[in-house]
Amino acid sequence: MKLQLFNSNDMSQENSFFTVAETEEILSAIQNAEKNTSGEIKLHVEKKCIENAIDRAVTVFNELGLEKTKQRNGVLFYIATEDRQFVILGDKGINEKVANGFWDDISDMVIAHFKQQDFKNGLIKGIIMAGEKLKTYFPYQKNDINEISDDLSFGDK
């Protein structure tokens, strides 16, 4: 699968699900959430989910290199827009620290916004919640580097 990246410096990138302004707000939420943590948050959007959504999220997680973070503290927000699938996937390091059901709580809140057609704000709130938990367990250190680009990723499915 070919992954496409979008950032605010490339306004020509095709993105039919979010407006440019919405994409910038989501990107800003990711960057703000990561300011206080060594954790990495990524959003991937594609039209179709070509397999079980959790399996697809695992595949995308690995394709984006989220499993390669030093502390195994990457988080993926995965959306298949036409198939109406949504998954939050945390890596081993964060999953060992958060309470059971933590990702379900975020997912339930995001999906509640999705049901109201409020995709942008649902994602922003979910990203902020994930960032707060990452900050608790993986606080920012002065030598931290951004291991994964903050750009949103878009699939061609």
Protein backbone atom coordinates (compact mmCIF):
# COMPACT_ATOMS: atom_id res chain seq x y z
CA MET A 1 0.00 0.00 0.00
CA LYS A 2 1.23 3.46 -0.81
CA LEU A 3 1.03 5.89 2.10
CA GLN A 4 0.68 9.58 1.38
CA LEU A 5 1.72 12.27 3.82
CA PHE A 6 0.15 15.67 4.19
CA ASN A 7 1.53 18.62 6.05
CA SER A 8 0.63 22.27 6.14
CA ASN A 9 3.47 23.09 3.72
CA ASP A 10 1.84 21.05 0.95
CA MET A 11 -1.66 22.38 0.44
CA SER A 12 -1.95 20.59 -2.90
CA GLN A 13 -2.09 17.16 -1.24
CA GLU A 14 -5.38 15.48 -2.03
CA ASN A 15 -7.44 14.99 1.08
CA SER A 16 -11.12 14.57 0.43
CA PHE A 17 -12.16 13.82 4.00
CA PHE A 18 -10.86 16.87 5.89
CA THR A 19 -10.63 20.44 4.74
CA VAL A 20 -7.20 22.07 4.77
CA ALA A 21 -8.18 24.01 7.91
CA GLU A 22 -9.41 20.85 9.67
CA THR A 23 -6.23 19.01 8.74
CA GLU A 24 -4.13 21.86 10.14
CA GLU A 25 -6.12 21.80 13.40
CA ILE A 26 -5.64 18.04 13.76
CA LEU A 27 -1.93 18.34 12.97
CA SER A 28 -1.67 21.11 15.56
CA ALA A 29 -3.40 18.89 18.15
CA ILE A 30 -0.86 16.14 17.48
CA GLN A 31 2.04 18.56 17.81
CA ASN A 32 0.63 20.05 21.03
CA ALA A 33 -0.04 16.60 22.51
CA GLU A 34 3.55 15.58 21.78
CA LYS A 35 5.12 18.71 23.32
CA ASN A 36 5.09 17.19 26.81
CA THR A 37 5.87 13.57 26.00
CA SER A 38 8.36 11.36 24.23
CA GLY A 39 5.35 9.44 22.87
CA GLU A 40 4.37 9.56 19.22
CA ILE A 41 0.84 10.02 17.87
CA LYS A 42 -0.14 9.41 14.26
CA LEU A 43 -3.42 9.66 12.34
CA HIS A 44 -3.95 7.53 9.25
CA VAL A 45 -7.02 7.98 7.04
CA GLU A 46 -8.10 5.84 4.11
CA LYS A 47 -11.39 5.22 2.36
CA LYS A 48 -11.63 1.43 2.55
CA CYS A 49 -10.54 -1.09 5.14
CA ILE A 50 -9.29 -4.04 3.12
CA GLU A 51 -9.38 -6.47 6.06
CA ASN A 52 -10.45 -6.63 9.69
CA ALA A 53 -10.01 -3.07 11.01
CA ILE A 54 -7.75 -4.07 13.90
CA ASP A 55 -5.54 -6.14 11.60
CA ARG A 56 -5.41 -3.26 9.14
CA ALA A 57 -4.47 -0.82 11.92
CA VAL A 58 -1.63 -3.16 12.97
CA THR A 59 -0.39 -3.27 9.37
CA VAL A 60 -0.50 0.53 9.05
CA PHE A 61 1.10 0.92 12.50
CA ASN A 62 4.06 -1.14 11.32
CA GLU A 63 4.24 0.49 7.86
CA LEU A 64 4.48 3.89 9.53
CA GLY A 65 7.27 2.65 11.82
CA LEU A 66 5.39 3.30 15.04
CA GLU A 67 6.68 0.02 16.49
CA LYS A 68 10.24 1.34 16.15
CA THR A 69 10.04 4.08 18.78
CA LYS A 70 12.70 3.73 21.45
CA GLN A 71 10.21 3.34 24.31
CA ARG A 72 7.53 1.55 22.25
CA ASN A 73 5.14 4.41 22.98
CA GLY A 74 3.54 5.08 19.60
CA VAL A 75 -0.21 5.52 19.17
CA LEU A 76 -2.14 5.22 15.92
CA PHE A 77 -5.57 6.65 15.22
CA TYR A 78 -6.84 4.71 12.18
CA ILE A 79 -9.94 5.65 10.16
CA ALA A 80 -11.48 3.97 7.10
CA THR A 81 -13.97 6.64 6.09
CA GLU A 82 -16.22 4.82 3.63
CA ASP A 83 -16.28 1.65 5.71
CA ARG A 84 -16.86 3.64 8.89
CA GLN A 85 -14.11 1.86 10.80
CA PHE A 86 -12.08 3.41 13.60
CA VAL A 87 -9.29 1.92 15.71
CA ILE A 88 -6.88 3.32 18.27
CA LEU A 89 -3.77 1.22 18.60
CA GLY A 90 -1.11 1.75 21.25
CA ASP A 91 2.29 0.09 21.25
CA LYS A 92 3.62 -2.29 23.88
CA GLY A 93 5.26 0.36 26.07
CA ILE A 94 2.11 2.42 26.58
CA ASN A 95 -0.21 -0.61 26.74
CA GLU A 96 1.79 -2.01 29.65
CA LYS A 97 1.13 1.19 31.62
CA VAL A 98 -2.44 2.30 30.92
CA ALA A 99 -5.44 0.75 32.64
CA ASN A 100 -7.52 -1.86 30.88
CA GLY A 101 -10.18 -0.11 28.86
CA PHE A 102 -8.20 3.12 28.44
CA TRP A 103 -8.26 2.97 24.63
CA ASP A 104 -11.94 1.97 24.74
CA ASP A 105 -12.75 5.14 26.70
CA ILE A 106 -11.03 7.32 24.10
CA SER A 107 -12.58 5.36 21.23
CA ASP A 108 -16.09 5.67 22.70
CA MET A 109 -15.69 9.43 23.04
CA VAL A 110 -14.33 9.80 19.48
CA ILE A 111 -17.09 7.63 18.02
CA ALA A 112 -19.73 9.65 19.88
CA HIS A 113 -18.42 12.73 18.03
CA PHE A 114 -18.30 10.79 14.74
CA LYS A 115 -21.99 9.90 15.13
CA GLN A 116 -22.68 13.62 15.23
CA GLN A 117 -20.58 14.09 12.06
CA ASP A 118 -18.03 15.96 14.18
CA PHE A 119 -14.95 14.10 12.99
CA LYS A 120 -12.38 16.82 13.54
CA ASN A 121 -13.30 17.59 17.14
CA GLY A 122 -13.67 13.93 18.04
CA LEU A 123 -10.16 13.25 16.80
CA ILE A 124 -8.71 16.34 18.45
CA LYS A 125 -10.22 15.40 21.82
CA GLY A 126 -9.02 11.81 21.45
CA ILE A 127 -5.52 12.96 20.52
CA ILE A 128 -5.43 15.27 23.54
CA MET A 129 -6.55 12.44 25.84
CA ALA A 130 -3.88 10.12 24.44
CA GLY A 131 -1.26 12.87 24.80
CA GLU A 132 -2.16 13.43 28.44
CA LYS A 133 -1.72 9.74 29.23
CA LEU A 134 1.54 9.61 27.27
CA LYS A 135 2.76 12.62 29.24
CA THR A 136 2.02 10.81 32.50
CA TYR A 137 4.03 7.72 31.63
CA PHE A 138 6.50 9.09 29.07
CA PRO A 139 7.24 12.71 30.03
CA TYR A 140 9.27 14.86 27.69
CA GLN A 141 13.01 14.82 28.38
CA LYS A 142 15.37 17.54 27.17
CA ASN A 143 17.11 15.10 24.79
CA ASP A 144 13.87 13.74 23.25
CA ILE A 145 13.62 13.74 19.49
CA ASN A 146 10.51 13.47 17.34
CA GLU A 147 10.92 9.87 16.15
CA ILE A 148 7.88 9.83 13.83
CA SER A 149 6.73 12.75 11.68
CA ASP A 150 3.57 14.44 12.90
CA ASP A 151 2.12 14.64 9.40
CA LEU A 152 -1.21 12.98 8.83
CA SER A 153 -0.99 9.90 6.63
CA PHE A 154 -3.48 9.03 3.92
CA GLY A 155 -3.87 5.68 2.19
CA ASP A 156 -4.92 5.13 -1.38
CA LYS A 157 -7.46 2.41 -0.64
